Protein backbone atom coordinates (compact mmCIF):
# COMPACT_ATOMS: atom_id res chain seq x y z
CA MET A 1 45.75 38.53 -33.05
CA LEU A 2 47.19 38.12 -29.54
CA THR A 3 47.06 34.76 -27.78
CA ALA A 4 46.67 34.28 -24.04
CA ARG A 5 49.71 33.26 -22.01
CA SER A 6 48.13 32.11 -18.74
CA ALA A 7 45.09 30.38 -17.31
CA GLY A 8 44.35 33.17 -14.82
CA ALA A 9 45.21 36.74 -13.92
CA ASP A 10 49.01 36.53 -13.81
CA ASP A 11 50.00 39.75 -12.06
CA ALA A 12 53.70 39.09 -12.69
CA HIS A 13 53.34 39.19 -16.48
CA PRO A 14 51.02 42.00 -17.61
CA ASP A 15 49.95 42.22 -21.23
CA THR A 16 49.41 45.98 -21.25
CA GLN A 17 52.22 46.93 -23.58
CA ARG A 18 51.67 44.24 -26.18
CA ILE A 19 47.93 44.96 -26.32
CA GLN A 20 48.53 48.71 -26.62
CA ASP A 21 51.18 48.18 -29.30
CA ALA A 22 48.75 46.06 -31.28
CA ILE A 23 46.06 48.74 -31.00
CA ASP A 24 48.48 51.49 -32.02
CA HIS A 25 49.56 49.59 -35.14
CA CYS A 26 46.12 48.26 -36.12
CA GLN A 27 44.74 49.56 -39.41
CA THR A 28 41.51 51.52 -39.40
CA GLY A 29 38.54 49.22 -39.87
CA HIS A 30 40.32 46.24 -38.29
CA ALA A 31 40.36 44.66 -34.82
CA VAL A 32 42.85 43.56 -32.20
CA GLU A 33 41.76 40.07 -31.22
CA LEU A 34 42.44 38.59 -27.78
CA LYS A 35 42.29 34.85 -28.30
CA PRO A 36 42.55 31.89 -25.90
CA ASP A 37 45.23 29.30 -26.61
CA GLY A 38 44.33 25.91 -25.19
CA ALA A 39 44.27 26.14 -21.39
CA SER A 40 45.64 29.68 -21.53
CA ASN A 41 42.69 32.05 -21.66
CA ALA A 42 43.60 35.15 -19.65
CA PHE A 43 45.07 38.57 -20.34
CA LEU A 44 46.10 41.10 -17.69
CA SER A 45 46.25 44.80 -18.40
CA GLY A 46 46.53 48.27 -17.02
CA PRO A 47 45.05 51.28 -18.87
CA LEU A 48 44.57 50.98 -22.63
CA GLU A 49 43.71 53.67 -25.18
CA LEU A 50 41.63 52.83 -28.23
CA ARG A 51 42.38 54.41 -31.60
CA ALA A 52 40.06 55.69 -34.32
CA GLY A 53 38.43 52.94 -36.35
CA VAL A 54 39.95 50.14 -34.22
CA THR A 55 37.94 47.50 -32.35
CA LEU A 56 39.13 45.51 -29.36
CA LEU A 57 37.77 41.98 -29.79
CA VAL A 58 37.73 39.63 -26.79
CA ASP A 59 37.01 36.12 -28.01
CA ALA A 60 34.70 33.62 -26.35
CA ASN A 61 36.35 31.88 -23.37
CA ALA A 62 38.94 34.66 -23.07
CA THR A 63 39.05 37.11 -20.15
CA LEU A 64 40.77 40.47 -19.98
CA TYR A 65 41.53 41.20 -16.30
CA GLY A 66 42.22 44.66 -14.94
CA SER A 67 45.42 45.21 -12.98
CA ARG A 68 45.20 45.36 -9.18
CA ASN A 69 48.07 47.84 -8.98
CA PRO A 70 46.80 51.39 -8.37
CA ARG A 71 50.07 52.82 -9.69
CA ASP A 72 49.18 51.54 -13.15
CA TYR A 73 46.13 53.86 -13.18
CA ASP A 74 47.58 57.01 -11.59
CA ILE A 75 46.63 60.32 -13.17
CA THR A 76 49.00 62.01 -10.73
CA PRO A 77 51.60 60.04 -8.74
CA GLY A 78 49.99 58.18 -5.85
CA GLY A 79 46.49 59.42 -6.66
CA CYS A 80 44.73 56.17 -7.53
CA GLY A 81 43.62 53.74 -4.82
CA THR A 82 43.03 56.48 -2.25
CA VAL A 83 40.11 58.08 -0.43
CA THR A 84 40.22 61.89 -0.51
CA GLN A 85 38.01 64.94 -0.84
CA ALA A 86 38.71 65.23 -4.56
CA GLY A 87 38.63 61.59 -5.75
CA HIS A 88 38.77 60.83 -9.49
CA GLY A 89 42.48 60.02 -9.43
CA CYS A 90 42.46 57.01 -11.78
CA LYS A 91 42.65 56.40 -15.49
CA PRO A 92 40.10 53.88 -16.79
CA LEU A 93 41.02 50.40 -17.89
CA ILE A 94 39.88 51.27 -21.44
CA ALA A 95 39.70 54.83 -22.77
CA ALA A 96 38.47 56.23 -26.07
CA ASN A 97 39.28 59.93 -26.20
CA HIS A 98 37.85 61.76 -29.23
CA VAL A 99 38.33 58.81 -31.56
CA ALA A 100 35.54 57.89 -33.97
CA HIS A 101 34.29 54.49 -35.16
CA ALA A 102 35.97 52.46 -32.39
CA GLY A 103 34.45 49.64 -30.38
CA VAL A 104 34.75 46.75 -27.95
CA MET A 105 33.18 43.45 -28.98
CA GLY A 106 33.28 39.70 -28.54
CA ASP A 107 31.80 36.88 -26.52
CA GLY A 108 34.55 37.10 -23.91
CA VAL A 109 34.76 38.84 -20.52
CA ILE A 110 36.37 42.00 -19.17
CA ASP A 111 36.79 41.67 -15.40
CA GLY A 112 37.71 44.78 -13.39
CA ARG A 113 38.46 42.70 -10.26
CA GLY A 114 36.72 45.10 -7.89
CA ALA A 115 36.68 42.51 -5.10
CA ALA A 116 40.40 41.66 -5.36
CA LYS A 117 42.87 43.14 -2.88
CA LEU A 118 45.06 45.86 -4.32
CA THR A 119 48.76 45.31 -4.79
CA GLY A 120 50.51 46.28 -1.57
CA GLN A 121 47.26 47.09 0.27
CA ASN A 122 44.92 45.04 2.43
CA VAL A 123 41.81 46.53 0.81
CA THR A 124 39.83 46.06 -2.38
CA TRP A 125 38.55 48.72 -4.77
CA TRP A 126 35.11 48.18 -3.30
CA ASP A 127 36.45 48.58 0.25
CA LEU A 128 37.70 52.04 -0.75
CA ALA A 129 34.25 52.93 -2.06
CA GLN A 130 32.65 51.88 1.23
CA GLU A 131 35.27 53.81 3.23
CA ALA A 132 34.50 56.91 1.16
CA LYS A 133 30.81 56.55 1.93
CA VAL A 134 31.41 56.28 5.68
CA LYS A 135 33.80 59.26 5.71
CA ASN A 136 31.73 61.37 3.27
CA LEU A 137 34.70 61.56 0.93
CA ASN A 138 35.43 60.26 -2.59
CA GLN A 139 37.26 57.14 -3.66
CA SER A 140 39.72 56.99 -6.53
CA CYS A 141 38.90 53.75 -8.33
CA PRO A 142 39.18 53.07 -12.07
CA ARG A 143 36.21 52.64 -14.37
CA ILE A 144 36.28 49.88 -16.95
CA MET A 145 35.49 52.24 -19.85
CA VAL A 146 35.50 56.01 -20.23
CA LEU A 147 34.48 57.06 -23.74
CA THR A 148 34.77 60.81 -24.32
CA GLY A 149 33.79 62.44 -27.60
CA ALA A 150 33.94 58.99 -29.21
CA ASP A 151 31.44 59.30 -32.07
CA ASP A 152 29.94 56.13 -33.51
CA PHE A 153 31.18 53.86 -30.73
CA THR A 154 29.92 50.26 -30.48
CA LEU A 155 29.78 47.77 -27.63
CA TYR A 156 28.59 44.37 -28.83
CA ARG A 157 28.02 41.13 -26.91
CA ILE A 158 30.85 41.74 -24.45
CA THR A 159 30.49 40.79 -20.77
CA LEU A 160 31.71 43.32 -18.19
CA LYS A 161 31.95 42.40 -14.54
CA ASN A 162 33.30 43.45 -11.14
CA SER A 163 34.16 46.99 -12.14
CA PRO A 164 35.94 49.00 -9.41
CA ASN A 165 33.67 51.95 -10.33
CA PHE A 166 31.32 52.68 -13.27
CA HIS A 167 31.40 50.04 -15.98
CA VAL A 168 30.81 52.33 -18.98
CA SER A 169 30.78 56.13 -19.11
CA TYR A 170 29.96 57.74 -22.48
CA SER A 171 29.97 61.53 -22.81
CA GLY A 172 30.19 64.27 -25.39
CA GLY A 173 29.57 62.02 -28.39
CA ASN A 174 27.21 61.51 -31.31
CA GLY A 175 26.38 57.87 -31.86
CA PHE A 176 26.76 55.17 -29.20
CA THR A 177 25.35 51.65 -29.37
CA ALA A 178 25.44 48.96 -26.67
CA TRP A 179 23.90 45.76 -28.06
CA GLY A 180 23.75 42.40 -26.29
CA VAL A 181 26.05 43.53 -23.49
CA ILE A 182 26.03 41.64 -20.17
CA ILE A 183 27.04 43.53 -17.02
CA ASP A 184 27.27 41.48 -13.84
CA THR A 185 28.51 43.05 -10.61
CA PRO A 186 27.05 42.34 -7.14
CA ARG A 187 25.45 44.77 -4.73
CA ALA A 188 28.76 44.93 -2.80
CA GLY A 189 30.25 46.99 -5.62
CA ARG A 190 29.30 50.51 -4.57
CA ASN A 191 29.11 53.12 -7.38
CA THR A 192 29.36 50.44 -10.05
CA ASP A 193 26.86 51.93 -12.50
CA GLY A 194 26.19 49.83 -15.58
CA ILE A 195 26.06 52.23 -18.55
CA ASP A 196 26.03 56.02 -18.10
CA PRO A 197 25.52 58.09 -21.27
CA GLY A 198 25.50 61.85 -20.91
CA ASN A 199 25.74 65.13 -22.87
CA SER A 200 25.39 63.04 -26.02
CA THR A 201 22.92 62.29 -28.77
CA ASN A 202 21.85 59.29 -30.85
CA VAL A 203 22.41 56.73 -28.09
CA THR A 204 20.98 53.20 -28.20
CA ILE A 205 21.18 50.62 -25.40
CA THR A 206 19.38 47.47 -26.48
CA HIS A 207 19.12 43.73 -25.77
CA CYS A 208 21.37 44.12 -22.70
CA PHE A 209 21.35 42.37 -19.31
CA ILE A 210 22.51 44.54 -16.43
CA ASN A 211 23.10 43.58 -12.79
CA ALA A 212 24.99 46.34 -10.97
CA GLY A 213 25.79 47.79 -7.56
CA ASP A 214 24.36 51.19 -8.52
CA ASP A 215 22.30 52.57 -11.42
CA ASN A 216 21.73 49.98 -14.12
CA VAL A 217 21.57 52.84 -16.62
CA ALA A 218 21.99 56.48 -15.59
CA ILE A 219 21.46 59.17 -18.21
CA LYS A 220 23.51 62.20 -17.23
CA ALA A 221 22.68 65.74 -18.30
CA GLY A 222 25.22 68.02 -16.69
CA HIS A 223 26.23 71.40 -18.06
CA GLY A 224 27.44 71.02 -21.64
CA ALA A 225 26.18 69.45 -24.86
CA PRO A 226 22.49 68.43 -25.00
CA THR A 227 21.44 65.04 -23.66
CA THR A 228 18.90 63.95 -26.23
CA HIS A 229 17.61 61.29 -28.63
CA MET A 230 18.29 58.20 -26.57
CA THR A 231 16.60 54.81 -26.91
CA ILE A 232 16.80 52.17 -24.19
CA SER A 233 14.93 49.13 -25.51
CA HIS A 234 14.54 45.38 -25.01
CA ASN A 235 16.65 45.23 -21.84
CA HIS A 236 16.60 43.27 -18.59
CA PHE A 237 17.74 44.80 -15.28
CA TYR A 238 18.37 42.87 -12.08
CA GLY A 239 19.98 44.17 -8.87
CA GLY A 240 20.85 47.86 -8.97
CA HIS A 241 19.36 51.33 -8.68
CA GLY A 242 17.24 51.17 -11.79
CA MET A 243 16.61 53.11 -14.99
CA SER A 244 17.74 56.58 -13.93
CA ILE A 245 18.01 60.07 -15.33
CA GLY A 246 20.26 62.37 -13.29
CA SER A 247 21.33 63.42 -10.86
CA GLU A 248 23.03 66.03 -13.06
CA THR A 249 20.23 67.61 -15.13
CA ASP A 250 21.30 71.27 -15.44
CA GLY A 251 22.20 70.76 -19.10
CA GLY A 252 18.71 69.49 -19.88
CA ALA A 253 17.50 66.09 -21.08
CA GLY A 254 14.80 65.24 -23.60
CA ALA A 255 13.61 62.95 -26.41
CA ILE A 256 14.34 59.82 -24.37
CA ARG A 257 12.44 56.58 -24.97
CA VAL A 258 12.53 53.52 -22.73
CA SER A 259 10.63 50.46 -23.96
CA ASP A 260 10.33 46.72 -23.38
CA LEU A 261 12.16 46.72 -20.05
CA SER A 262 12.06 44.29 -17.14
CA ILE A 263 13.38 45.27 -13.71
CA ASP A 264 13.63 42.37 -11.26
CA GLY A 265 14.70 42.82 -7.65
CA ALA A 266 16.26 46.28 -7.93
CA ASP A 267 16.27 49.03 -5.31
CA ASN A 268 14.69 51.46 -7.78
CA GLY A 269 12.80 51.11 -11.03
CA ILE A 270 11.95 54.21 -13.07
CA ARG A 271 13.84 57.08 -11.46
CA ILE A 272 14.51 60.74 -12.25
CA LYS A 273 16.71 62.44 -9.67
CA SER A 274 18.21 65.88 -9.20
CA ASN A 275 18.35 68.83 -6.81
CA SER A 276 18.70 72.60 -6.81
CA SER A 277 22.50 72.45 -7.02
CA ARG A 278 22.46 70.59 -10.36
CA GLY A 279 18.87 70.64 -11.62
CA GLY A 280 17.38 71.60 -14.97
CA LEU A 281 14.65 70.71 -17.45
CA VAL A 282 13.89 67.02 -18.05
CA HIS A 283 11.05 66.61 -20.54
CA ASP A 284 9.68 64.50 -23.39
CA ILE A 285 10.43 61.22 -21.62
CA VAL A 286 8.38 58.09 -22.38
CA TYR A 287 8.53 54.72 -20.61
CA GLU A 288 6.49 52.05 -22.37
CA ASP A 289 6.02 48.31 -21.87
CA VAL A 290 7.82 48.06 -18.52
CA CYS A 291 7.44 45.23 -16.00
CA MET A 292 8.83 45.52 -12.48
CA ARG A 293 8.96 42.88 -9.78
CA ASP A 294 10.09 43.10 -6.13
CA THR A 295 11.46 46.61 -6.62
CA LYS A 296 11.59 48.81 -3.51
CA ASN A 297 10.91 52.10 -5.31
CA PRO A 298 9.31 51.21 -8.64
CA ILE A 299 8.61 54.86 -9.52
CA LEU A 300 10.80 57.51 -7.93
CA MET A 301 10.63 61.15 -9.04
CA ASP A 302 13.07 62.85 -6.67
CA SER A 303 13.66 66.61 -6.94
CA ASN A 304 15.75 66.80 -3.75
CA TYR A 305 18.13 63.91 -4.35
CA SER A 306 21.08 63.66 -1.95
CA TYR A 307 20.98 67.31 -0.93
CA SER A 308 19.92 68.89 2.36
CA GLY A 309 21.37 72.41 2.10
CA PRO A 310 19.61 75.65 1.26
CA ALA A 311 17.92 75.91 -2.13
CA ARG A 312 20.23 77.03 -4.92
CA ASP A 313 19.40 78.37 -8.38
CA LYS A 314 19.49 75.24 -10.59
CA PHE A 315 15.92 74.12 -10.12
CA PRO A 316 14.85 70.62 -11.22
CA GLU A 317 11.82 70.58 -13.49
CA PHE A 318 10.51 67.18 -14.60
CA THR A 319 7.62 67.54 -17.03
CA ASP A 320 6.01 65.77 -19.97
CA ILE A 321 6.89 62.42 -18.39
CA THR A 322 4.73 59.51 -19.64
CA LEU A 323 4.45 55.98 -18.29
CA ARG A 324 2.42 53.73 -20.59
CA ASN A 325 1.72 50.01 -20.25
CA VAL A 326 3.64 49.65 -17.00
CA ARG A 327 2.93 46.89 -14.49
CA ILE A 328 4.32 46.62 -10.96
CA LEU A 329 4.40 43.32 -9.08
CA GLY A 330 5.11 43.28 -5.35
CA ALA A 331 5.23 45.83 -2.55
CA GLY A 332 7.12 49.11 -2.57
CA LYS A 333 6.81 52.87 -2.64
CA ILE A 334 5.91 55.33 -5.40
CA THR A 335 7.28 58.85 -4.92
CA LEU A 336 6.09 61.77 -7.07
CA ASP A 337 7.93 64.85 -5.84
CA GLY A 338 8.18 68.08 -7.80
CA PHE A 339 10.56 70.76 -6.59
CA ASP A 340 8.13 73.55 -5.70
CA ALA A 341 4.88 75.18 -6.79
CA ILE A 342 6.59 76.73 -9.83
CA HIS A 343 8.75 73.76 -10.87
CA LYS A 344 6.14 71.03 -10.65
CA LEU A 345 6.39 67.43 -11.69
CA GLY A 346 4.23 66.77 -14.76
CA ILE A 347 3.55 63.07 -15.24
CA THR A 348 0.99 60.89 -17.05
CA PHE A 349 0.00 57.33 -16.15
CA ASP A 350 -1.61 55.42 -19.03
CA ASN A 351 -2.32 51.76 -18.29
CA VAL A 352 -0.16 51.68 -15.18
CA THR A 353 -1.28 48.98 -12.78
CA LEU A 354 -0.25 47.64 -9.39
CA ASN A 355 -0.73 43.94 -8.80
CA ASP A 356 -1.33 44.63 -5.10
CA ALA A 357 -2.28 48.27 -4.59
CA ALA A 358 -2.77 47.73 -0.84
CA LYS A 359 0.95 47.00 -0.43
CA MET A 360 2.15 50.06 -2.32
CA LYS A 361 2.85 53.31 -0.47
CA ILE A 362 2.28 56.42 -2.59
CA SER A 363 3.38 59.95 -1.77
CA GLY A 364 3.71 63.15 -3.75
CA VAL A 365 4.07 66.91 -3.63
CA HIS A 366 4.06 69.76 -6.18
CA ALA A 367 2.83 67.53 -8.99
CA GLN A 368 0.36 67.56 -11.87
CA VAL A 369 -0.70 63.96 -12.48
CA THR A 370 -2.79 62.88 -15.46
CA LEU A 371 -4.52 59.48 -15.47
CA GLY A 372 -5.61 57.60 -18.60
CA PRO A 373 -6.78 56.91 -21.15
CA GLY A 374 -5.71 53.36 -20.17
CA PRO A 375 -6.47 51.79 -16.78
CA VAL A 376 -4.79 53.04 -13.59
CA ASN A 377 -5.73 51.30 -10.32
CA PHE A 378 -4.36 53.91 -7.91
CA ARG A 379 -4.90 57.63 -7.33
CA PRO A 380 -2.01 59.66 -5.88
CA GLN A 381 -2.61 62.25 -3.18
CA GLY A 382 -0.41 64.86 -1.58
CA ASP A 383 0.25 68.51 -0.85
CA ASP A 384 -0.05 70.63 -4.02
CA LEU A 385 -0.72 67.47 -6.04
CA LYS A 386 -3.49 67.73 -8.62
CA VAL A 387 -4.95 64.74 -10.47
CA THR A 388 -6.80 65.09 -13.78
CA GLY A 389 -8.11 62.66 -16.38
CA GLU A 390 -10.18 59.53 -16.07
CA PRO A 391 -8.57 56.09 -16.41
CA GLY A 392 -10.38 53.68 -18.69
CA LYS A 393 -10.72 49.93 -18.76
CA GLY A 394 -8.33 47.39 -20.22
CA ALA A 395 -5.96 44.56 -19.47
CA PRO A 396 -2.73 45.17 -17.52
CA ASN A 397 0.54 44.89 -19.39
CA ALA A 398 1.43 41.24 -19.96
CA CYS A 399 4.58 40.41 -17.98
CA ALA A 400 4.59 36.59 -17.97
CA SER A 401 7.62 36.23 -20.25
CA LYS A 402 9.49 39.37 -19.24
CA PHE A 403 11.52 38.08 -16.31
CA ILE A 404 14.39 35.88 -17.46
CA THR A 405 17.56 34.67 -15.75
CA LEU A 406 20.72 36.73 -16.08
CA PRO A 407 22.99 34.99 -18.64
CA VAL A 408 26.38 33.89 -17.34
CA LYS A 409 29.31 33.41 -19.70
CA PRO A 410 32.17 31.04 -18.79
CA GLU A 411 35.62 32.47 -18.11
């Protein structure tokens, strides 16, 4: 057990070494506990590496703050805290590299301090991300967690906030569970995805609350191990770019189930995105019991995401996509775009209803759309868009109790 030594992020007295030492000497099956001590409730750290079978436990009323010093995160000297063509010059705050049965838990907070000015610089991590966008370059900002090949990894009840970049990246593993996690980062935090699992299997994200500056959840499927058997259930999303698959899909994604989801005030809702430079087969995807409110793009199937060059040879193909018991409240736009006449979008709407169909714009191209057997109160049209099936009668999905306030934990 480690006790806090300050009441705030004390940049003059980092705790990195004593936390890492405790992790390195912790027995398998045990935890390193970060515990408040009276008025002292804060820990400050640079990059940490988890070990096999060891859990980092952040107690209630304790906060682990990320360092503001880019030099702490450098992969190569001077690489972190810059805007360059290459980017990706920072270690994460917490890494798990090919270690099994590790985890991060507790009712405390991990704060990446994305809005704080960097040591020796008059900019924040988020300022660098905005600069990169304007200059069409890439920022080097640390993620809170990068979990690579970390089988049987568990996140439980922890609150993550203000990440400089992605909050959680999980790749190349078998067995990942995020349960009861709160992620809370404002729109100002560009590229601050909530949880991004990719090239992995047996993934569960459940009972989580995610407010982010980018994708709330983004399932990645780049070249490599299959992206398959994922369950995203009983979650609430707020600001952000929605429940996404992509944009890397050239490795293929399938056997993904999204259920009991509310999306309230996001830019996007249900989104699959890719393009011909990184596309592939996305199939066997089911969204069920989803309620969306005040979401700009509640359904967005985008086969030409963020790419305007000539067609390449990695063609996106989104097929066997089912939306069942989905209800959309408010105005917005539905986009149903397949890639071309060969790589069409194949999507089914079964009890998918718009509360105000007159305020919803709908466009589509290169798509095979099936309606029913449940009610559907709109009928898409577009070039090379074919609609089959007959919607039936029935009640819209009940959404009265779906939208709840984002929980806030004290620091």
